C-alpha cells in the first residue's frame, strides 16, 4: 500500500466507510457497529477526562483545605471509599472500551462485521495497551497537579478574601484566571496530540505486532521524523474535520430536532394536564404514560444519535488507517494486499 497524503486519505476514508457500513445493509448490524464506533471513537480517552478533572481541581483546591476539620471522620472515610470505587469502575470501563477499540479495529482492517473474533484475538495486546493508557493518564494528572501548585496559594487567599469581604475581588480573580488560560490551552493540546498518537499510530503496532510501548513509539517516531509535515497536516485535519462535521450535523438537525422535542414535550404536557387532578389508579396510569412517552423519546434520540454518529465515528478510524497504513507495511498489506504474482508459464523464457 502506497503512502497517501493527509488530504488524499480523507476521500479514501469516506469510500471505505461507505462500503463498510452500507454494503449488504442490515439495520441490526448497522446499529451494532454504529454503537461500537460511537463508544470507541466518540468517547475521548482517559487523558481528556483526566485533564478536565485536573483543571477543575486546580481551581477548587483552596476552599477544600480547611473543610476536613469540620467533617466527621465517617464522612471522610465514606468519601475516600466512594472516590476509590469510582476510580476502579472508571478503570474497568476504560478496559472494556479498549477491548472494543481493538475489536472494531479488527473489523475495519479485515472488512468483517463480527465483533467477537477481534474481542478474543487481541485480548493480550489490548490489555497491554490499556495499562499504557493508564500510565500515561496518571502521568498527565501528575503534570496537571504540578502546574497547579503555584496557583494553590493564590486561590486560598481568594477564598479567605471572599469569606472576609463577602464578595470576590475582581482584580485578584483576573490575576489568577488569566495566567491559567494559556496553561489550560497547552494542556488540552498536549492531551489531544498524545491521545491521537496513542490511538491512531501506536495502537496498530500493539494489535498487529504485539509490540511494547518502546517498540511502538520507536516506529511511530521514525515515521514522524521522516514526514513531519504530513503528520502535522494529519493531526490538524484529524481535529478540524470531525469538528466541522459535528457542527454541520448540529446545524442541519437543529430545526427537525426542535420540532420533535417540542412534539414530545407537548405530549408529556398533555398527559400531565389530563391526569393532574386524578387519584388512585388513574394517577398511576397517568404517571406510567408519562414514563412511557419519556422512554420513547429517549430511545428515539439514542437511535437517531447512533444512525447519524456511526458514519462520522467510523470515518475517523478509517481516516487513521488509510493515512498510517502506507507508512506501516504490516497494516498496509492488510488494508491493500499486494497482488499475488502468477507462476511463470512452462517453457517461458526469463529475460534478465
Protein backbone atom coordinates (compact mmCIF):
# COMPACT_ATOMS: atom_id res chain seq x y z
CA UNK A 1 0.00 0.00 0.00
CA UNK A 2 1.46 3.34 -1.00
CA UNK A 3 1.58 6.23 1.43
CA UNK A 4 -1.24 8.70 0.88
CA UNK A 5 -1.08 12.32 1.96
CA UNK A 6 -3.20 13.58 4.81
CA UNK A 7 -5.58 15.28 2.35
CA UNK A 8 -5.88 12.31 -0.03
CA UNK A 9 -6.63 9.96 2.85
CA UNK A 10 -9.90 11.80 3.53
CA UNK A 11 -11.66 10.67 0.35
CA UNK A 12 -10.35 7.12 0.76
CA UNK A 13 -11.65 7.02 4.32
CA UNK A 14 -15.08 8.19 3.16
CA UNK A 15 -15.15 5.49 0.49
CA UNK A 16 -14.18 2.73 2.92
CA UNK A 17 -16.71 3.97 5.47
CA UNK A 18 -19.49 3.83 2.89
CA UNK A 19 -18.51 0.32 1.83
CA UNK A 20 -18.15 -0.94 5.39
CA UNK A 21 -21.43 0.39 6.79
CA UNK A 22 -23.77 0.30 3.81
CA UNK A 23 -22.73 -2.70 1.71
CA UNK A 24 -25.11 -5.63 2.40
CA UNK A 25 -27.02 -3.23 4.62
CA UNK A 26 -28.84 -4.55 7.69
CA UNK A 27 -30.39 -2.31 10.32
CA UNK A 28 -29.35 -4.58 13.18
CA UNK A 29 -25.74 -4.77 12.03
CA UNK A 30 -25.64 -1.04 11.29
CA UNK A 31 -26.90 -0.13 14.77
CA UNK A 32 -24.48 -2.57 16.41
CA UNK A 33 -21.45 -1.26 14.52
CA UNK A 34 -22.61 2.34 14.92
CA UNK A 35 -22.94 2.00 18.68
CA UNK A 36 -19.48 0.45 18.97
CA UNK A 37 -18.00 3.14 16.73
CA UNK A 38 -19.53 5.89 18.86
CA UNK A 39 -18.36 4.26 22.11
CA UNK A 40 -14.81 3.78 20.89
CA UNK A 41 -14.40 7.00 18.92
CA UNK A 42 -17.00 9.38 20.31
CA UNK A 43 -15.77 8.97 23.89
CA UNK A 44 -12.33 10.52 24.31
CA UNK A 45 -9.63 8.69 26.14
CA UNK A 46 -8.85 8.93 29.82
CA UNK A 47 -6.39 11.72 29.09
CA UNK A 48 -9.19 14.11 28.28
CA UNK A 49 -11.28 13.21 31.30
CA UNK A 50 -8.18 13.36 33.48
CA UNK A 51 -7.25 16.78 32.14
CA UNK A 52 -10.75 18.11 32.75
CA UNK A 53 -10.75 16.73 36.26
CA UNK A 54 -7.28 18.09 36.99
CA UNK A 55 -8.16 21.54 35.71
CA UNK A 56 -11.29 21.62 37.82
CA UNK A 57 -9.48 20.62 40.96
CA UNK A 58 -6.85 23.28 40.47
CA UNK A 59 -9.46 25.99 40.79
CA UNK A 60 -11.12 24.36 43.79
CA UNK A 61 -8.01 23.42 45.71
CA UNK A 62 -8.12 26.33 48.14
CA UNK A 63 -11.62 26.02 49.62
CA UNK A 64 -11.16 22.32 50.36
CA UNK A 65 -8.12 22.82 52.60
CA UNK A 66 -9.96 23.61 55.80
CA UNK A 67 -13.09 21.53 55.17
CA UNK A 68 -11.78 18.22 56.60
CA UNK A 69 -11.54 19.81 60.08
CA UNK A 70 -15.31 20.28 60.10
CA UNK A 71 -16.37 16.95 58.56
CA UNK A 72 -16.96 13.81 60.66
CA UNK A 73 -14.42 11.04 60.22
CA UNK A 74 -17.11 8.66 58.94
CA UNK A 75 -17.97 11.07 56.13
CA UNK A 76 -14.31 11.39 55.18
CA UNK A 77 -13.93 7.60 55.10
CA UNK A 78 -17.09 7.25 53.01
CA UNK A 79 -15.86 9.93 50.60
CA UNK A 80 -12.49 8.21 50.20
CA UNK A 81 -14.20 4.86 49.63
CA UNK A 82 -16.53 6.43 47.05
CA UNK A 83 -13.58 8.00 45.21
CA UNK A 84 -11.68 4.70 45.18
CA UNK A 85 -14.76 2.87 43.93
CA UNK A 86 -15.20 5.48 41.21
CA UNK A 87 -11.58 5.00 40.12
CA UNK A 88 -11.97 1.22 39.98
CA UNK A 89 -15.21 1.45 37.98
CA UNK A 90 -13.68 4.02 35.63
CA UNK A 91 -10.65 1.80 35.00
CA UNK A 92 -12.90 -1.18 34.32
CA UNK A 93 -14.99 0.81 31.83
CA UNK A 94 -11.80 2.09 30.16
CA UNK A 95 -10.58 -1.50 29.87
CA UNK A 96 -13.82 -2.60 28.18
CA UNK A 97 -13.63 0.37 25.78
CA UNK A 98 -10.01 -0.52 24.96
CA UNK A 99 -11.02 -4.10 24.15
CA UNK A 100 -13.82 -2.78 21.93
CA UNK A 101 -11.38 -0.48 20.13
CA UNK A 102 -9.21 -3.43 19.20
CA UNK A 103 -12.25 -5.47 18.14
CA UNK A 104 -13.52 -2.61 15.97
CA UNK A 105 -10.02 -2.14 14.56
CA UNK A 106 -10.12 -5.81 13.53
CA UNK A 107 -13.49 -5.30 11.85
CA UNK A 108 -12.28 -2.34 9.81
CA UNK A 109 -8.97 -3.73 8.58
CA UNK A 110 -10.48 -7.10 7.62
CA UNK A 111 -13.85 -5.71 6.49
CA UNK A 112 -15.76 -8.04 8.78
CA UNK A 113 -18.81 -7.12 10.82
CA UNK A 114 -18.31 -9.67 13.59
CA UNK A 115 -17.09 -8.18 16.87
CA UNK A 116 -16.39 -11.40 18.77
CA UNK A 117 -13.29 -12.58 16.81
CA UNK A 118 -11.41 -9.34 17.40
CA UNK A 119 -12.54 -9.23 21.03
CA UNK A 120 -10.83 -12.56 21.74
CA UNK A 121 -7.94 -12.28 19.27
CA UNK A 122 -6.47 -9.05 20.68
CA UNK A 123 -7.02 -9.69 24.37
CA UNK A 124 -3.32 -9.65 25.30
CA UNK A 125 -2.23 -6.59 23.26
CA UNK A 126 -5.40 -4.73 24.30
CA UNK A 127 -4.56 -5.37 27.97
CA UNK A 128 -1.02 -4.08 27.45
CA UNK A 129 -2.33 -1.03 25.63
CA UNK A 130 -4.84 -0.41 28.42
CA UNK A 131 -2.07 -0.27 31.02
CA UNK A 132 -0.06 2.05 28.79
CA UNK A 133 -3.05 4.42 28.70
CA UNK A 134 -3.38 4.19 32.48
CA UNK A 135 0.30 5.07 32.99
CA UNK A 136 0.12 7.94 30.51
CA UNK A 137 -3.11 9.17 32.11
CA UNK A 138 -1.63 9.22 35.60
CA UNK A 139 1.48 11.00 34.28
CA UNK A 140 -0.79 13.59 32.73
CA UNK A 141 -2.67 14.05 36.01
CA UNK A 142 0.67 14.44 37.81
CA UNK A 143 1.69 17.10 35.27
CA UNK A 144 -1.59 18.95 35.82
CA UNK A 145 -1.03 18.76 39.58
CA UNK A 146 2.49 20.14 39.34
CA UNK A 147 1.36 23.03 37.16
CA UNK A 148 -1.48 23.74 39.58
CA UNK A 149 0.75 24.04 42.65
CA UNK A 150 1.80 27.68 42.05
CA UNK A 151 -1.90 28.70 41.97
CA UNK A 152 -3.00 26.95 45.17
CA UNK A 153 -1.81 29.72 47.46
CA UNK A 154 -3.50 32.36 45.30
CA UNK A 155 -6.85 30.55 45.33
CA UNK A 156 -6.53 30.06 49.07
CA UNK A 157 -6.05 33.81 49.53
CA UNK A 158 -9.03 34.42 47.25
CA UNK A 159 -11.15 32.06 49.34
CA UNK A 160 -10.19 33.85 52.56
CA UNK A 161 -10.91 37.23 50.94
CA UNK A 162 -14.38 36.05 49.88
CA UNK A 163 -15.13 34.84 53.42
CA UNK A 164 -13.92 38.13 54.91
CA UNK A 165 -15.48 40.61 52.47
CA UNK A 166 -18.45 38.54 51.29
CA UNK A 167 -17.63 39.04 47.60
CA UNK A 168 -14.64 38.25 45.38
CA UNK A 169 -12.02 40.82 44.43
CA UNK A 170 -12.27 41.10 40.64
CA UNK A 171 -8.64 42.10 40.30
CA UNK A 172 -7.50 39.09 42.30
CA UNK A 173 -9.76 36.77 40.30
CA UNK A 174 -8.36 38.06 37.00
CA UNK A 175 -4.80 37.78 38.25
CA UNK A 176 -5.41 34.11 38.97
CA UNK A 177 -7.57 33.15 35.98
CA UNK A 178 -5.76 34.92 33.14
CA UNK A 179 -2.42 33.08 33.63
CA UNK A 180 -4.36 29.80 33.74
CA UNK A 181 -5.88 30.25 30.26
CA UNK A 182 -2.70 29.62 28.21
CA UNK A 183 -1.71 26.78 30.55
CA UNK A 184 -5.08 25.10 30.08
CA UNK A 185 -4.86 25.55 26.31
CA UNK A 186 -1.40 23.96 26.23
CA UNK A 187 -2.57 21.08 28.41
CA UNK A 188 -5.56 20.45 26.15
CA UNK A 189 -3.28 20.47 23.09
CA UNK A 190 -0.79 18.10 24.71
CA UNK A 191 -3.56 15.76 25.82
CA UNK A 192 -5.17 15.79 22.39
CA UNK A 193 -1.94 15.07 20.50
CA UNK A 194 -0.99 12.35 22.97
CA UNK A 195 -4.37 10.72 22.53
CA UNK A 196 -4.06 10.77 18.73
CA UNK A 197 -0.56 9.31 18.83
CA UNK A 198 -1.67 6.52 21.15
CA UNK A 199 -4.87 5.51 19.37
CA UNK A 200 -4.10 6.30 15.73
CA UNK A 201 -0.41 5.47 15.47
CA UNK A 202 0.77 3.25 18.33
CA UNK A 203 -2.30 1.03 18.70
CA UNK A 204 -1.84 -0.71 15.30
CA UNK A 205 1.65 -1.81 16.38
CA UNK A 206 0.21 -3.27 19.58
CA UNK A 207 -2.53 -5.10 17.65
CA UNK A 208 -0.53 -6.48 14.71
CA UNK A 209 2.98 -6.92 16.18
CA UNK A 210 2.13 -7.25 19.89
CA UNK A 211 4.76 -4.52 20.29
CA UNK A 212 5.88 -2.97 23.54
CA UNK A 213 5.49 0.73 24.24
CA UNK A 214 9.15 1.34 23.37
CA UNK A 215 8.95 -0.59 20.09
CA UNK A 216 5.70 1.07 19.01
CA UNK A 217 6.92 4.55 19.87
CA UNK A 218 10.25 3.96 18.08
CA UNK A 219 8.43 3.05 14.87
CA UNK A 220 5.99 5.95 15.15
CA UNK A 221 8.69 8.49 15.95
CA UNK A 222 10.79 7.36 12.99
CA UNK A 223 7.80 7.83 10.66
CA UNK A 224 7.00 11.23 12.15
CA UNK A 225 10.57 12.45 11.72
CA UNK A 226 10.65 11.27 8.11
CA UNK A 227 7.37 13.03 7.20
CA UNK A 228 6.82 15.63 9.90
CA UNK A 229 4.82 17.93 7.62
CA UNK A 230 2.39 15.20 6.60
CA UNK A 231 1.88 14.13 10.21
CA UNK A 232 1.30 17.73 11.25
CA UNK A 233 -1.28 18.09 8.49
CA UNK A 234 -2.85 14.80 9.56
CA UNK A 235 -3.22 15.91 13.18
CA UNK A 236 -4.71 19.22 12.07
CA UNK A 237 -7.25 17.56 9.75
CA UNK A 238 -7.94 14.84 12.30
CA UNK A 239 -9.11 17.51 14.74
CA UNK A 240 -10.69 20.03 12.39
CA UNK A 241 -12.70 17.77 10.07
CA UNK A 242 -14.70 15.92 12.76
CA UNK A 243 -15.40 19.25 14.46
CA UNK A 244 -16.71 20.75 11.22
CA UNK A 245 -18.80 17.63 10.57
CA UNK A 246 -20.35 17.76 14.04
CA UNK A 247 -21.16 21.46 13.69
CA UNK A 248 -22.72 20.81 10.27
CA UNK A 249 -24.83 17.97 11.64
CA UNK A 250 -25.96 20.16 14.51
CA UNK A 251 -27.00 22.96 12.18
CA UNK A 252 -28.84 20.63 9.80
CA UNK A 253 -30.68 18.81 12.58
CA UNK A 254 -31.39 21.85 14.75
CA UNK A 255 -34.85 22.60 13.34
CA UNK A 256 -36.04 18.94 13.00
CA UNK A 257 -34.71 18.21 16.48
CA UNK A 258 -36.50 21.22 17.92
CA UNK A 259 -39.76 20.14 16.25
CA UNK A 260 -39.50 16.60 17.60
CA UNK A 261 -38.53 17.81 21.06
CA UNK A 262 -41.49 20.17 21.02
CA UNK A 263 -43.82 17.35 19.93
CA UNK A 264 -42.70 15.05 22.72
CA UNK A 265 -42.86 17.93 25.19
CA UNK A 266 -46.42 18.72 24.12
CA UNK A 267 -47.41 15.06 24.56
CA UNK A 268 -45.88 14.97 28.04
CA UNK A 269 -47.59 18.23 28.97
CA UNK A 270 -50.93 16.99 27.63
CA UNK A 271 -50.73 13.72 29.57
CA UNK A 272 -49.70 15.55 32.72
CA UNK A 273 -52.56 18.03 32.37
CA UNK A 274 -55.11 15.29 31.68
CA UNK A 275 -54.21 13.38 34.85
CA UNK A 276 -53.31 16.39 37.04
CA UNK A 277 -56.26 16.05 39.43
CA UNK A 278 -56.71 12.28 39.22
CA UNK A 279 -56.25 9.91 42.13
CA UNK A 280 -55.83 6.20 42.64
CA UNK A 281 -55.47 4.04 39.55
CA UNK A 282 -55.94 6.98 37.19
CA UNK A 283 -52.96 8.80 38.72
CA UNK A 284 -50.81 5.67 38.40
CA UNK A 285 -51.89 5.29 34.77
CA UNK A 286 -51.01 8.92 34.07
CA UNK A 287 -47.57 8.51 35.61
CA UNK A 288 -46.98 5.34 33.60
CA UNK A 289 -47.99 7.11 30.39
CA UNK A 290 -45.56 9.95 31.10
CA UNK A 291 -42.77 7.47 31.78
CA UNK A 292 -43.66 5.55 28.60
CA UNK A 293 -43.53 8.59 26.34
CA UNK A 294 -40.35 9.75 28.05
CA UNK A 295 -38.72 6.38 27.34
CA UNK A 296 -39.95 6.51 23.73
CA UNK A 297 -38.34 9.94 23.32
CA UNK A 298 -35.11 8.69 24.91
CA UNK A 299 -34.96 5.62 22.68
CA UNK A 300 -35.71 7.71 19.60
CA UNK A 301 -32.94 10.14 20.46
CA UNK A 302 -30.50 7.28 21.06
CA UNK A 303 -31.34 5.65 17.73
CA UNK A 304 -31.02 8.96 15.91
CA UNK A 305 -27.67 9.59 17.56
CA UNK A 306 -26.38 6.16 16.55
CA UNK A 307 -27.63 6.46 12.97
CA UNK A 308 -26.05 9.87 12.49
CA UNK A 309 -22.92 9.31 14.54
CA UNK A 310 -21.98 5.94 13.05
CA UNK A 311 -20.56 7.25 9.73
CA UNK A 312 -18.64 10.04 11.46
CA UNK A 313 -17.14 7.80 14.15
CA UNK A 314 -16.28 5.06 11.65
CA UNK A 315 -14.81 7.60 9.24
CA UNK A 316 -12.47 8.88 11.96
CA UNK A 317 -10.94 5.44 12.41
CA UNK A 318 -10.84 4.74 8.66
CA UNK A 319 -9.00 8.03 8.16
CA UNK A 320 -6.35 6.98 10.66
CA UNK A 321 -5.98 3.59 8.98
CA UNK A 322 -5.69 5.00 5.47
CA UNK A 323 -3.11 7.58 6.47
CA UNK A 324 -0.89 5.36 8.59
CA UNK A 325 -1.35 2.18 6.55
CA UNK A 326 1.02 3.42 3.85
CA UNK A 327 3.65 4.15 6.48
CA UNK A 328 3.30 0.88 8.39
CA UNK A 329 3.78 -2.02 5.94
CA UNK A 330 2.16 -4.68 8.13
CA UNK A 331 -1.05 -2.64 8.33
CA UNK A 332 -0.85 -1.53 4.70
CA UNK A 333 -0.57 -5.10 3.41
CA UNK A 334 -3.79 -5.99 5.24
CA UNK A 335 -5.69 -2.94 4.02
CA UNK A 336 -4.44 -3.33 0.44
CA UNK A 337 -3.00 -6.82 -0.09
CA UNK A 338 -0.24 -6.92 -2.71
CA UNK A 339 -1.20 -8.62 -5.95
CA UNK A 340 -0.17 -12.24 -5.99
CA UNK A 341 2.49 -12.98 -8.57
CA UNK A 342 1.48 -15.67 -11.05
CA UNK A 343 3.98 -18.50 -11.58
CA UNK A 344 5.79 -18.38 -14.98
CA UNK A 345 4.33 -20.50 -17.76
CA UNK A 346 6.14 -23.73 -18.54
CA UNK A 347 8.83 -23.20 -21.12
CA UNK A 348 8.66 -19.39 -20.87
CA UNK A 349 11.99 -17.67 -21.10
CA UNK A 350 13.10 -15.28 -18.40
CA UNK A 351 14.60 -12.00 -19.58
CA UNK A 352 17.46 -10.86 -17.38
